[in-house]
Structures are given as structure tokens and as C-alpha cells.
PDB file of all heavy atoms in Angstrom:
ATOM      1  N   LEU A   1      18.077  -6.648  -1.273  1.00  0.00           N
ATOM      2  CA  LEU A   1      17.626  -7.007  -2.594  1.00  0.00           C
ATOM      3  C   LEU A   1      15.977  -6.927  -2.614  1.00  0.00           C
ATOM      4  O   LEU A   1      15.448  -6.481  -3.455  1.00  0.00           O
ATOM      5  CB  LEU A   1      18.054  -8.387  -3.030  1.00  0.00           C
ATOM      6  CG  LEU A   1      19.546  -8.413  -3.484  1.00  0.00           C
ATOM      7  CD1 LEU A   1      19.928  -9.963  -3.671  1.00  0.00           C
ATOM      8  CD2 LEU A   1      19.883  -7.577  -4.523  1.00  0.00           C
ATOM      9  N   GLU A   2      15.344  -7.444  -1.505  1.00  0.00           N
ATOM     10  CA  GLU A   2      13.953  -7.417  -1.336  1.00  0.00           C
ATOM     11  C   GLU A   2      13.407  -5.942  -1.351  1.00  0.00           C
ATOM     12  O   GLU A   2      12.483  -5.755  -1.912  1.00  0.00           O
ATOM     13  CB  GLU A   2      13.530  -8.142  -0.077  1.00  0.00           C
ATOM     14  CG  GLU A   2      13.706  -9.697  -0.322  1.00  0.00           C
ATOM     15  CD  GLU A   2      13.273 -10.421   0.920  1.00  0.00           C
ATOM     16  OE1 GLU A   2      12.775  -9.904   1.836  1.00  0.00           O
ATOM     17  OE2 GLU A   2      13.435 -11.678   0.968  1.00  0.00           O
ATOM     18  N   GLU A   3      14.084  -5.185  -0.691  1.00  0.00           N
ATOM     19  CA  GLU A   3      13.755  -3.758  -0.544  1.00  0.00           C
ATOM     20  C   GLU A   3      13.746  -3.027  -1.814  1.00  0.00           C
ATOM     21  O   GLU A   3      12.892  -2.365  -2.386  1.00  0.00           O
ATOM     22  CB  GLU A   3      14.581  -2.949   0.332  1.00  0.00           C
ATOM     23  CG  GLU A   3      14.387  -3.215   1.888  1.00  0.00           C
ATOM     24  CD  GLU A   3      15.351  -2.405   2.778  1.00  0.00           C
ATOM     25  OE1 GLU A   3      15.952  -1.431   2.256  1.00  0.00           O
ATOM     26  OE2 GLU A   3      15.422  -2.721   3.970  1.00  0.00           O
ATOM     27  N   LYS A   4      14.873  -3.391  -2.685  1.00  0.00           N
ATOM     28  CA  LYS A   4      14.970  -2.854  -4.051  1.00  0.00           C
ATOM     29  C   LYS A   4      13.917  -3.386  -4.961  1.00  0.00           C
ATOM     30  O   LYS A   4      13.281  -2.632  -5.679  1.00  0.00           O
ATOM     31  CB  LYS A   4      16.368  -3.066  -4.598  1.00  0.00           C
ATOM     32  CG  LYS A   4      17.452  -2.355  -3.958  1.00  0.00           C
ATOM     33  CD  LYS A   4      18.740  -2.380  -4.760  1.00  0.00           C
ATOM     34  CE  LYS A   4      19.750  -1.393  -4.122  1.00  0.00           C
ATOM     35  NZ  LYS A   4      20.750  -0.997  -4.956  1.00  0.00           N
ATOM     36  N   ILE A   5      13.633  -4.655  -4.904  1.00  0.00           N
ATOM     37  CA  ILE A   5      12.718  -5.163  -5.676  1.00  0.00           C
ATOM     38  C   ILE A   5      11.229  -4.700  -5.365  1.00  0.00           C
ATOM     39  O   ILE A   5      10.472  -4.399  -6.258  1.00  0.00           O
ATOM     40  CB  ILE A   5      12.681  -6.755  -5.543  1.00  0.00           C
ATOM     41  CG1 ILE A   5      13.944  -7.342  -6.223  1.00  0.00           C
ATOM     42  CG2 ILE A   5      11.406  -7.368  -6.093  1.00  0.00           C
ATOM     43  CD1 ILE A   5      14.106  -8.883  -5.819  1.00  0.00           C
ATOM     44  N   ASN A   6      10.911  -4.528  -4.052  1.00  0.00           N
ATOM     45  CA  ASN A   6       9.652  -4.018  -3.624  1.00  0.00           C
ATOM     46  C   ASN A   6       9.441  -2.558  -4.195  1.00  0.00           C
ATOM     47  O   ASN A   6       8.360  -2.087  -4.568  1.00  0.00           O
ATOM     48  CB  ASN A   6       9.396  -4.133  -2.152  1.00  0.00           C
ATOM     49  CG  ASN A   6       9.297  -5.563  -1.693  1.00  0.00           C
ATOM     50  OD1 ASN A   6       8.783  -6.295  -2.520  1.00  0.00           O
ATOM     51  ND2 ASN A   6       9.528  -5.899  -0.461  1.00  0.00           N
ATOM     52  N   SER A   7      10.597  -1.740  -3.978  1.00  0.00           N
ATOM     53  CA  SER A   7      10.425  -0.284  -4.465  1.00  0.00           C
ATOM     54  C   SER A   7      10.237  -0.293  -5.914  1.00  0.00           C
ATOM     55  O   SER A   7       9.468   0.535  -6.457  1.00  0.00           O
ATOM     56  CB  SER A   7      11.750   0.459  -4.020  1.00  0.00           C
ATOM     57  OG  SER A   7      12.797   0.061  -4.791  1.00  0.00           O
ATOM     58  N   LYS A   8      10.833  -1.213  -6.659  1.00  0.00           N
ATOM     59  CA  LYS A   8      10.685  -1.288  -8.195  1.00  0.00           C
ATOM     60  C   LYS A   8       9.175  -1.748  -8.481  1.00  0.00           C
ATOM     61  O   LYS A   8       8.517  -1.095  -9.422  1.00  0.00           O
ATOM     62  CB  LYS A   8      11.569  -2.143  -8.847  1.00  0.00           C
ATOM     63  CG  LYS A   8      13.068  -1.834  -8.660  1.00  0.00           C
ATOM     64  CD  LYS A   8      13.349  -0.604  -9.616  1.00  0.00           C
ATOM     65  CE  LYS A   8      14.869  -0.225  -9.590  1.00  0.00           C
ATOM     66  NZ  LYS A   8      15.169   0.879 -10.447  1.00  0.00           N
ATOM     67  N   LYS A   9       8.718  -2.706  -7.671  1.00  0.00           N
ATOM     68  CA  LYS A   9       7.331  -3.166  -7.882  1.00  0.00           C
ATOM     69  C   LYS A   9       6.348  -1.983  -7.650  1.00  0.00           C
ATOM     70  O   LYS A   9       5.347  -1.738  -8.379  1.00  0.00           O
ATOM     71  CB  LYS A   9       6.940  -4.321  -7.005  1.00  0.00           C
ATOM     72  CG  LYS A   9       7.495  -5.645  -7.455  1.00  0.00           C
ATOM     73  CD  LYS A   9       7.135  -6.731  -6.507  1.00  0.00           C
ATOM     74  CE  LYS A   9       7.651  -8.146  -6.975  1.00  0.00           C
ATOM     75  NZ  LYS A   9       7.286  -9.148  -6.031  1.00  0.00           N
ATOM     76  N   ARG A  10       6.598  -1.310  -6.574  1.00  0.00           N
ATOM     77  CA  ARG A  10       5.750  -0.152  -6.187  1.00  0.00           C
ATOM     78  C   ARG A  10       5.762   0.942  -7.255  1.00  0.00           C
ATOM     79  O   ARG A  10       4.699   1.441  -7.740  1.00  0.00           O
ATOM     80  CB  ARG A  10       6.101   0.574  -4.883  1.00  0.00           C
ATOM     81  CG  ARG A  10       5.313   0.115  -3.687  1.00  0.00           C
ATOM     82  CD  ARG A  10       5.722   0.877  -2.410  1.00  0.00           C
ATOM     83  NE  ARG A  10       6.759   0.059  -1.755  1.00  0.00           N
ATOM     84  CZ  ARG A  10       8.024   0.456  -1.552  1.00  0.00           C
ATOM     85  NH1 ARG A  10       8.345   1.626  -1.930  1.00  0.00           N
ATOM     86  NH2 ARG A  10       8.771  -0.305  -0.881  1.00  0.00           N
ATOM     87  N   ALA A  11       6.916   1.257  -7.825  1.00  0.00           N
ATOM     88  CA  ALA A  11       7.009   2.210  -8.850  1.00  0.00           C
ATOM     89  C   ALA A  11       6.310   1.805 -10.181  1.00  0.00           C
ATOM     90  O   ALA A  11       5.552   2.519 -10.777  1.00  0.00           O
ATOM     91  CB  ALA A  11       8.559   2.592  -9.180  1.00  0.00           C
ATOM     92  N   TRP A  12       6.493   0.471 -10.417  1.00  0.00           N
ATOM     93  CA  TRP A  12       5.846  -0.087 -11.559  1.00  0.00           C
ATOM     94  C   TRP A  12       4.335  -0.033 -11.423  1.00  0.00           C
ATOM     95  O   TRP A  12       3.546   0.293 -12.433  1.00  0.00           O
ATOM     96  CB  TRP A  12       6.281  -1.602 -11.821  1.00  0.00           C
ATOM     97  CG  TRP A  12       5.678  -2.241 -13.014  1.00  0.00           C
ATOM     98  CD1 TRP A  12       4.638  -3.091 -13.031  1.00  0.00           C
ATOM     99  CD2 TRP A  12       5.949  -1.912 -14.358  1.00  0.00           C
ATOM    100  NE1 TRP A  12       4.466  -3.386 -14.405  1.00  0.00           N
ATOM    101  CE2 TRP A  12       5.179  -2.798 -15.138  1.00  0.00           C
ATOM    102  CE3 TRP A  12       7.021  -1.086 -15.009  1.00  0.00           C
ATOM    103  CZ2 TRP A  12       5.341  -2.710 -16.555  1.00  0.00           C
ATOM    104  CZ3 TRP A  12       7.100  -1.151 -16.384  1.00  0.00           C
ATOM    105  CH2 TRP A  12       6.261  -1.965 -17.240  1.00  0.00           C
ATOM    106  N   LYS A  13       3.744  -0.366 -10.266  1.00  0.00           N
ATOM    107  CA  LYS A  13       2.212  -0.311 -10.028  1.00  0.00           C
ATOM    108  C   LYS A  13       1.864   1.110 -10.169  1.00  0.00           C
ATOM    109  O   LYS A  13       0.753   1.335 -10.695  1.00  0.00           O
ATOM    110  CB  LYS A  13       1.924  -0.814  -8.587  1.00  0.00           C
ATOM    111  CG  LYS A  13       2.011  -2.310  -8.598  1.00  0.00           C
ATOM    112  CD  LYS A  13       1.608  -2.927  -7.155  1.00  0.00           C
ATOM    113  CE  LYS A  13       1.780  -4.509  -7.280  1.00  0.00           C
ATOM    114  NZ  LYS A  13       1.438  -5.003  -5.931  1.00  0.00           N
ATOM    115  N   GLU A  14       2.633   2.135  -9.708  1.00  0.00           N
ATOM    116  CA  GLU A  14       2.242   3.450  -9.854  1.00  0.00           C
ATOM    117  C   GLU A  14       2.163   3.849 -11.210  1.00  0.00           C
ATOM    118  O   GLU A  14       1.282   4.662 -11.623  1.00  0.00           O
ATOM    119  CB  GLU A  14       3.211   4.379  -8.947  1.00  0.00           C
ATOM    120  CG  GLU A  14       3.072   4.331  -7.426  1.00  0.00           C
ATOM    121  CD  GLU A  14       4.182   5.065  -6.675  1.00  0.00           C
ATOM    122  OE1 GLU A  14       5.057   5.650  -7.430  1.00  0.00           O
ATOM    123  OE2 GLU A  14       4.081   4.846  -5.479  1.00  0.00           O
ATOM    124  N   LYS A  15       3.198   3.543 -12.034  1.00  0.00           N
ATOM    125  CA  LYS A  15       3.088   3.801 -13.468  1.00  0.00           C
ATOM    126  C   LYS A  15       1.909   3.119 -14.085  1.00  0.00           C
ATOM    127  O   LYS A  15       1.150   3.774 -14.891  1.00  0.00           O
ATOM    128  CB  LYS A  15       4.338   3.259 -14.144  1.00  0.00           C
ATOM    129  CG  LYS A  15       5.645   4.178 -14.050  1.00  0.00           C
ATOM    130  CD  LYS A  15       6.718   3.702 -14.939  1.00  0.00           C
ATOM    131  CE  LYS A  15       7.842   4.694 -14.961  1.00  0.00           C
ATOM    132  NZ  LYS A  15       9.015   4.098 -15.765  1.00  0.00           N
ATOM    133  N   GLU A  16       1.635   1.962 -13.750  1.00  0.00           N
ATOM    134  CA  GLU A  16       0.438   1.263 -14.382  1.00  0.00           C
ATOM    135  C   GLU A  16      -0.776   1.997 -14.046  1.00  0.00           C
ATOM    136  O   GLU A  16      -1.635   2.101 -14.938  1.00  0.00           O
ATOM    137  CB  GLU A  16       0.364  -0.272 -13.754  1.00  0.00           C
ATOM    138  CG  GLU A  16       1.211  -1.212 -14.547  1.00  0.00           C
ATOM    139  CD  GLU A  16       0.986  -2.666 -14.003  1.00  0.00           C
ATOM    140  OE1 GLU A  16       0.608  -2.818 -12.892  1.00  0.00           O
ATOM    141  OE2 GLU A  16       1.220  -3.550 -14.805  1.00  0.00           O
ATOM    142  N   ALA A  17      -0.854   2.404 -12.752  1.00  0.00           N
ATOM    143  CA  ALA A  17      -2.103   3.136 -12.388  1.00  0.00           C
ATOM    144  C   ALA A  17      -2.234   4.373 -13.165  1.00  0.00           C
ATOM    145  O   ALA A  17      -3.363   4.793 -13.542  1.00  0.00           O
ATOM    146  CB  ALA A  17      -2.115   3.338 -10.865  1.00  0.00           C
ATOM    147  N   HIS A  18      -1.108   5.109 -13.286  1.00  0.00           N
ATOM    148  CA  HIS A  18      -1.087   6.493 -14.041  1.00  0.00           C
ATOM    149  C   HIS A  18      -1.591   6.301 -15.357  1.00  0.00           C
ATOM    150  O   HIS A  18      -2.478   6.975 -15.961  1.00  0.00           O
ATOM    151  CB  HIS A  18       0.275   6.935 -13.953  1.00  0.00           C
ATOM    152  CG  HIS A  18       0.462   8.158 -14.842  1.00  0.00           C
ATOM    153  ND1 HIS A  18      -0.200   9.324 -14.482  1.00  0.00           N
ATOM    154  CD2 HIS A  18       1.092   8.473 -15.893  1.00  0.00           C
ATOM    155  CE1 HIS A  18       0.166  10.293 -15.415  1.00  0.00           C
ATOM    156  NE2 HIS A  18       0.903   9.719 -16.275  1.00  0.00           N
ATOM    157  N   TYR A  19      -0.973   5.159 -16.102  1.00  0.00           N
ATOM    158  CA  TYR A  19      -1.394   4.961 -17.571  1.00  0.00           C
ATOM    159  C   TYR A  19      -2.796   4.430 -17.619  1.00  0.00           C
ATOM    160  O   TYR A  19      -3.536   4.852 -18.534  1.00  0.00           O
ATOM    161  CB  TYR A  19      -0.392   3.910 -18.068  1.00  0.00           C
ATOM    162  CG  TYR A  19       1.011   4.530 -18.360  1.00  0.00           C
ATOM    163  CD1 TYR A  19       2.191   3.870 -17.881  1.00  0.00           C
ATOM    164  CD2 TYR A  19       1.126   5.729 -19.160  1.00  0.00           C
ATOM    165  CE1 TYR A  19       3.324   4.447 -18.157  1.00  0.00           C
ATOM    166  CE2 TYR A  19       2.342   6.241 -19.348  1.00  0.00           C
ATOM    167  CZ  TYR A  19       3.453   5.634 -19.007  1.00  0.00           C
ATOM    168  OH  TYR A  19       4.761   6.157 -19.135  1.00  0.00           O
ATOM    169  N   ALA A  20      -3.254   3.673 -16.616  1.00  0.00           N
ATOM    170  CA  ALA A  20      -4.647   3.271 -16.703  1.00  0.00           C
ATOM    171  C   ALA A  20      -5.517   4.406 -16.588  1.00  0.00           C
ATOM    172  O   ALA A  20      -6.673   4.549 -17.194  1.00  0.00           O
ATOM    173  CB  ALA A  20      -4.876   2.207 -15.593  1.00  0.00           C
ATOM    174  N   ASP A  21      -5.253   5.400 -15.695  1.00  0.00           N
ATOM    175  CA  ASP A  21      -6.130   6.700 -15.464  1.00  0.00           C
ATOM    176  C   ASP A  21      -6.065   7.443 -16.852  1.00  0.00           C
ATOM    177  O   ASP A  21      -7.048   7.985 -17.225  1.00  0.00           O
ATOM    178  CB  ASP A  21      -5.502   7.487 -14.334  1.00  0.00           C
ATOM    179  CG  ASP A  21      -5.753   6.828 -12.998  1.00  0.00           C
ATOM    180  OD1 ASP A  21      -6.473   5.908 -12.915  1.00  0.00           O
ATOM    181  OD2 ASP A  21      -5.069   7.285 -12.064  1.00  0.00           O
ATOM    182  N   MET A  22      -4.856   7.459 -17.449  1.00  0.00           N
ATOM    183  CA  MET A  22      -4.820   8.240 -18.798  1.00  0.00           C
ATOM    184  C   MET A  22      -5.705   7.620 -19.744  1.00  0.00           C
ATOM    185  O   MET A  22      -6.530   8.352 -20.467  1.00  0.00           O
ATOM    186  CB  MET A  22      -3.348   8.378 -19.213  1.00  0.00           C
ATOM    187  CG  MET A  22      -2.521   9.325 -18.411  1.00  0.00           C
ATOM    188  SD  MET A  22      -0.797   9.353 -18.948  1.00  0.00           S
ATOM    189  CE  MET A  22      -0.851   9.822 -20.591  1.00  0.00           C
ATOM    190  N   ILE A  23      -5.687   6.270 -19.920  1.00  0.00           N
ATOM    191  CA  ILE A  23      -6.481   5.558 -20.858  1.00  0.00           C
ATOM    192  C   ILE A  23      -8.017   5.657 -20.639  1.00  0.00           C
ATOM    193  O   ILE A  23      -8.842   5.949 -21.466  1.00  0.00           O
ATOM    194  CB  ILE A  23      -6.053   4.077 -20.901  1.00  0.00           C
ATOM    195  CG1 ILE A  23      -4.642   3.967 -21.553  1.00  0.00           C
ATOM    196  CG2 ILE A  23      -7.034   3.316 -21.600  1.00  0.00           C
ATOM    197  CD1 ILE A  23      -4.010   2.557 -21.382  1.00  0.00           C
ATOM    198  N   ASN A  24      -8.334   5.625 -19.366  1.00  0.00           N
ATOM    199  CA  ASN A  24      -9.752   5.905 -18.959  1.00  0.00           C
ATOM    200  C   ASN A  24     -10.202   7.190 -19.239  1.00  0.00           C
ATOM    201  O   ASN A  24     -11.334   7.424 -19.707  1.00  0.00           O
ATOM    202  CB  ASN A  24      -9.963   5.462 -17.476  1.00  0.00           C
ATOM    203  CG  ASN A  24      -9.843   3.987 -17.143  1.00  0.00           C
ATOM    204  OD1 ASN A  24     -10.065   3.157 -18.098  1.00  0.00           O
ATOM    205  ND2 ASN A  24      -9.551   3.691 -15.935  1.00  0.00           N
ATOM    206  N   ALA A  25      -9.369   8.284 -18.967  1.00  0.00           N
ATOM    207  CA  ALA A  25      -9.687   9.548 -19.181  1.00  0.00           C
ATOM    208  C   ALA A  25      -9.889   9.787 -20.795  1.00  0.00           C
ATOM    209  O   ALA A  25     -10.793  10.439 -21.167  1.00  0.00           O
ATOM    210  CB  ALA A  25      -8.734  10.643 -18.759  1.00  0.00           C
ATOM    211  N   TYR A  26      -8.966   9.276 -21.404  1.00  0.00           N
ATOM    212  CA  TYR A  26      -9.025   9.342 -23.069  1.00  0.00           C
ATOM    213  C   TYR A  26     -10.334   8.643 -23.414  1.00  0.00           C
ATOM    214  O   TYR A  26     -11.026   9.243 -24.298  1.00  0.00           O
ATOM    215  CB  TYR A  26      -7.888   8.667 -23.614  1.00  0.00           C
ATOM    216  CG  TYR A  26      -7.998   8.463 -25.176  1.00  0.00           C
ATOM    217  CD1 TYR A  26      -7.760   9.598 -25.922  1.00  0.00           C
ATOM    218  CD2 TYR A  26      -8.296   7.276 -25.727  1.00  0.00           C
ATOM    219  CE1 TYR A  26      -7.915   9.519 -27.308  1.00  0.00           C
ATOM    220  CE2 TYR A  26      -8.380   7.257 -27.057  1.00  0.00           C
ATOM    221  CZ  TYR A  26      -8.174   8.331 -27.859  1.00  0.00           C
ATOM    222  OH  TYR A  26      -8.290   8.160 -29.169  1.00  0.00           O
ATOM    223  N   ARG A  27     -10.689   7.432 -22.936  1.00  0.00           N
ATOM    224  CA  ARG A  27     -11.980   6.735 -23.428  1.00  0.00           C
ATOM    225  C   ARG A  27     -13.164   7.587 -22.939  1.00  0.00           C
ATOM    226  O   ARG A  27     -14.138   7.719 -23.779  1.00  0.00           O
ATOM    227  CB  ARG A  27     -11.975   5.462 -22.791  1.00  0.00           C
ATOM    228  CG  ARG A  27     -10.974   4.402 -23.380  1.00  0.00           C
ATOM    229  CD  ARG A  27     -11.173   3.106 -22.782  1.00  0.00           C
ATOM    230  NE  ARG A  27     -10.173   2.158 -23.313  1.00  0.00           N
ATOM    231  CZ  ARG A  27      -9.771   1.038 -22.763  1.00  0.00           C
ATOM    232  NH1 ARG A  27     -10.167   0.655 -21.703  1.00  0.00           N
ATOM    233  NH2 ARG A  27      -8.915   0.263 -23.437  1.00  0.00           N
ATOM    234  N   LYS A  28     -13.055   8.200 -21.780  1.00  0.00           N
ATOM    235  CA  LYS A  28     -14.285   8.893 -21.308  1.00  0.00           C
ATOM    236  C   LYS A  28     -14.493  10.302 -22.237  1.00  0.00           C
ATOM    237  O   LYS A  28     -15.551  10.639 -22.624  1.00  0.00           O
ATOM    238  CB  LYS A  28     -14.094   9.372 -19.856  1.00  0.00           C
ATOM    239  CG  LYS A  28     -15.220  10.204 -19.190  1.00  0.00           C
ATOM    240  CD  LYS A  28     -14.947  10.386 -17.807  1.00  0.00           C
ATOM    241  CE  LYS A  28     -16.084  11.292 -17.196  1.00  0.00           C
ATOM    242  NZ  LYS A  28     -15.786  11.580 -15.770  1.00  0.00           N
ATOM    243  N   GLU A  29     -13.359  10.804 -22.477  1.00  0.00           N
ATOM    244  CA  GLU A  29     -13.408  12.075 -23.412  1.00  0.00           C
ATOM    245  C   GLU A  29     -13.939  11.667 -24.657  1.00  0.00           C
ATOM    246  O   GLU A  29     -14.780  12.352 -25.370  1.00  0.00           O
ATOM    247  CB  GLU A  29     -12.047  12.651 -23.474  1.00  0.00           C
ATOM    248  CG  GLU A  29     -11.990  13.991 -24.333  1.00  0.00           C
ATOM    249  CD  GLU A  29     -10.575  14.525 -24.384  1.00  0.00           C
ATOM    250  OE1 GLU A  29      -9.834  14.268 -23.502  1.00  0.00           O
ATOM    251  OE2 GLU A  29     -10.414  15.301 -25.379  1.00  0.00           O
ATOM    252  N   LYS A  30     -13.534  10.570 -25.408  1.00  0.00           N
ATOM    253  CA  LYS A  30     -13.872  10.111 -26.604  1.00  0.00           C
ATOM    254  C   LYS A  30     -15.393   9.783 -26.582  1.00  0.00           C
ATOM    255  O   LYS A  30     -16.147  10.159 -27.502  1.00  0.00           O
ATOM    256  CB  LYS A  30     -13.080   8.797 -27.007  1.00  0.00           C
ATOM    257  CG  LYS A  30     -13.194   8.510 -28.463  1.00  0.00           C
ATOM    258  CD  LYS A  30     -12.251   7.439 -28.755  1.00  0.00           C
ATOM    259  CE  LYS A  30     -12.497   6.937 -30.221  1.00  0.00           C
ATOM    260  NZ  LYS A  30     -11.530   5.806 -30.510  1.00  0.00           N
ATOM    261  N   LYS A  31     -15.782   9.080 -25.498  1.00  0.00           N
ATOM    262  CA  LYS A  31     -17.292   8.815 -25.297  1.00  0.00           C
ATOM    263  C   LYS A  31     -18.050  10.008 -25.302  1.00  0.00           C
ATOM    264  O   LYS A  31     -19.127  10.199 -25.953  1.00  0.00           O
ATOM    265  CB  LYS A  31     -17.470   7.936 -24.134  1.00  0.00           C
ATOM    266  CG  LYS A  31     -18.819   7.455 -23.924  1.00  0.00           C
ATOM    267  CD  LYS A  31     -19.049   6.549 -22.837  1.00  0.00           C
ATOM    268  CE  LYS A  31     -20.353   5.977 -22.695  1.00  0.00           C
ATOM    269  NZ  LYS A  31     -20.479   5.058 -21.374  1.00  0.00           N
ATOM    270  N   GLU A  32     -17.643  11.036 -24.430  1.00  0.00           N
ATOM    271  CA  GLU A  32     -18.440  12.376 -24.411  1.00  0.00           C
ATOM    272  C   GLU A  32     -18.462  13.071 -25.714  1.00  0.00           C
ATOM    273  O   GLU A  32     -19.476  13.658 -26.022  1.00  0.00           O
ATOM    274  CB  GLU A  32     -17.758  13.198 -23.280  1.00  0.00           C
ATOM    275  CG  GLU A  32     -17.844  12.808 -21.828  1.00  0.00           C
ATOM    276  CD  GLU A  32     -17.198  13.507 -20.887  1.00  0.00           C
ATOM    277  OE1 GLU A  32     -16.336  14.438 -21.231  1.00  0.00           O
ATOM    278  OE2 GLU A  32     -17.277  13.347 -19.701  1.00  0.00           O
ATOM    279  N   LYS A  33     -17.357  13.069 -26.409  1.00  0.00           N
ATOM    280  CA  LYS A  33     -17.449  13.738 -27.757  1.00  0.00           C
ATOM    281  C   LYS A  33     -18.447  13.007 -28.621  1.00  0.00           C
ATOM    282  O   LYS A  33     -19.092  13.697 -29.372  1.00  0.00           O
ATOM    283  CB  LYS A  33     -15.969  13.648 -28.384  1.00  0.00           C
ATOM    284  CG  LYS A  33     -15.079  14.632 -27.900  1.00  0.00           C
ATOM    285  CD  LYS A  33     -13.727  14.675 -28.610  1.00  0.00           C
ATOM    286  CE  LYS A  33     -12.739  15.542 -28.106  1.00  0.00           C
ATOM    287  NZ  LYS A  33     -11.545  15.556 -28.861  1.00  0.00           N
ATOM    288  N   LYS A  34     -18.419  11.854 -28.655  1.00  0.00           N
ATOM    289  CA  LYS A  34     -19.315  10.929 -29.412  1.00  0.00           C
ATOM    290  C   LYS A  34     -20.842  11.291 -29.053  1.00  0.00           C
ATOM    291  O   LYS A  34     -21.700  11.500 -29.927  1.00  0.00           O
ATOM    292  CB  LYS A  34     -19.115   9.508 -29.285  1.00  0.00           C
ATOM    293  CG  LYS A  34     -19.870   8.544 -30.393  1.00  0.00           C
ATOM    294  CD  LYS A  34     -19.370   7.184 -30.217  1.00  0.00           C
ATOM    295  CE  LYS A  34     -20.032   6.328 -31.252  1.00  0.00           C
ATOM    296  NZ  LYS A  34     -19.605   4.931 -31.072  1.00  0.00           N
TER     297      LYS A  34
END
């Protein structure tokens, strides 16, 4: 159970990092356009 929970946590953190990168890229692009 701990292995499964840890793997889900890792996957969740990877998704969070991916979405944070996408948001930062969007904000940077928007700022550059401005």
C-alpha cells in the first residue's frame, strides 16, 4: 500500500510540475507579447 501511495504521490507531483511549467510558460509568453 505504501508503494502504491508513493507512486501516486510521485505521479501527482509530476503532473503538478508539468502544469506549473505550462502556466509559467503562458505567463511568460503573455508578458513578452505585452
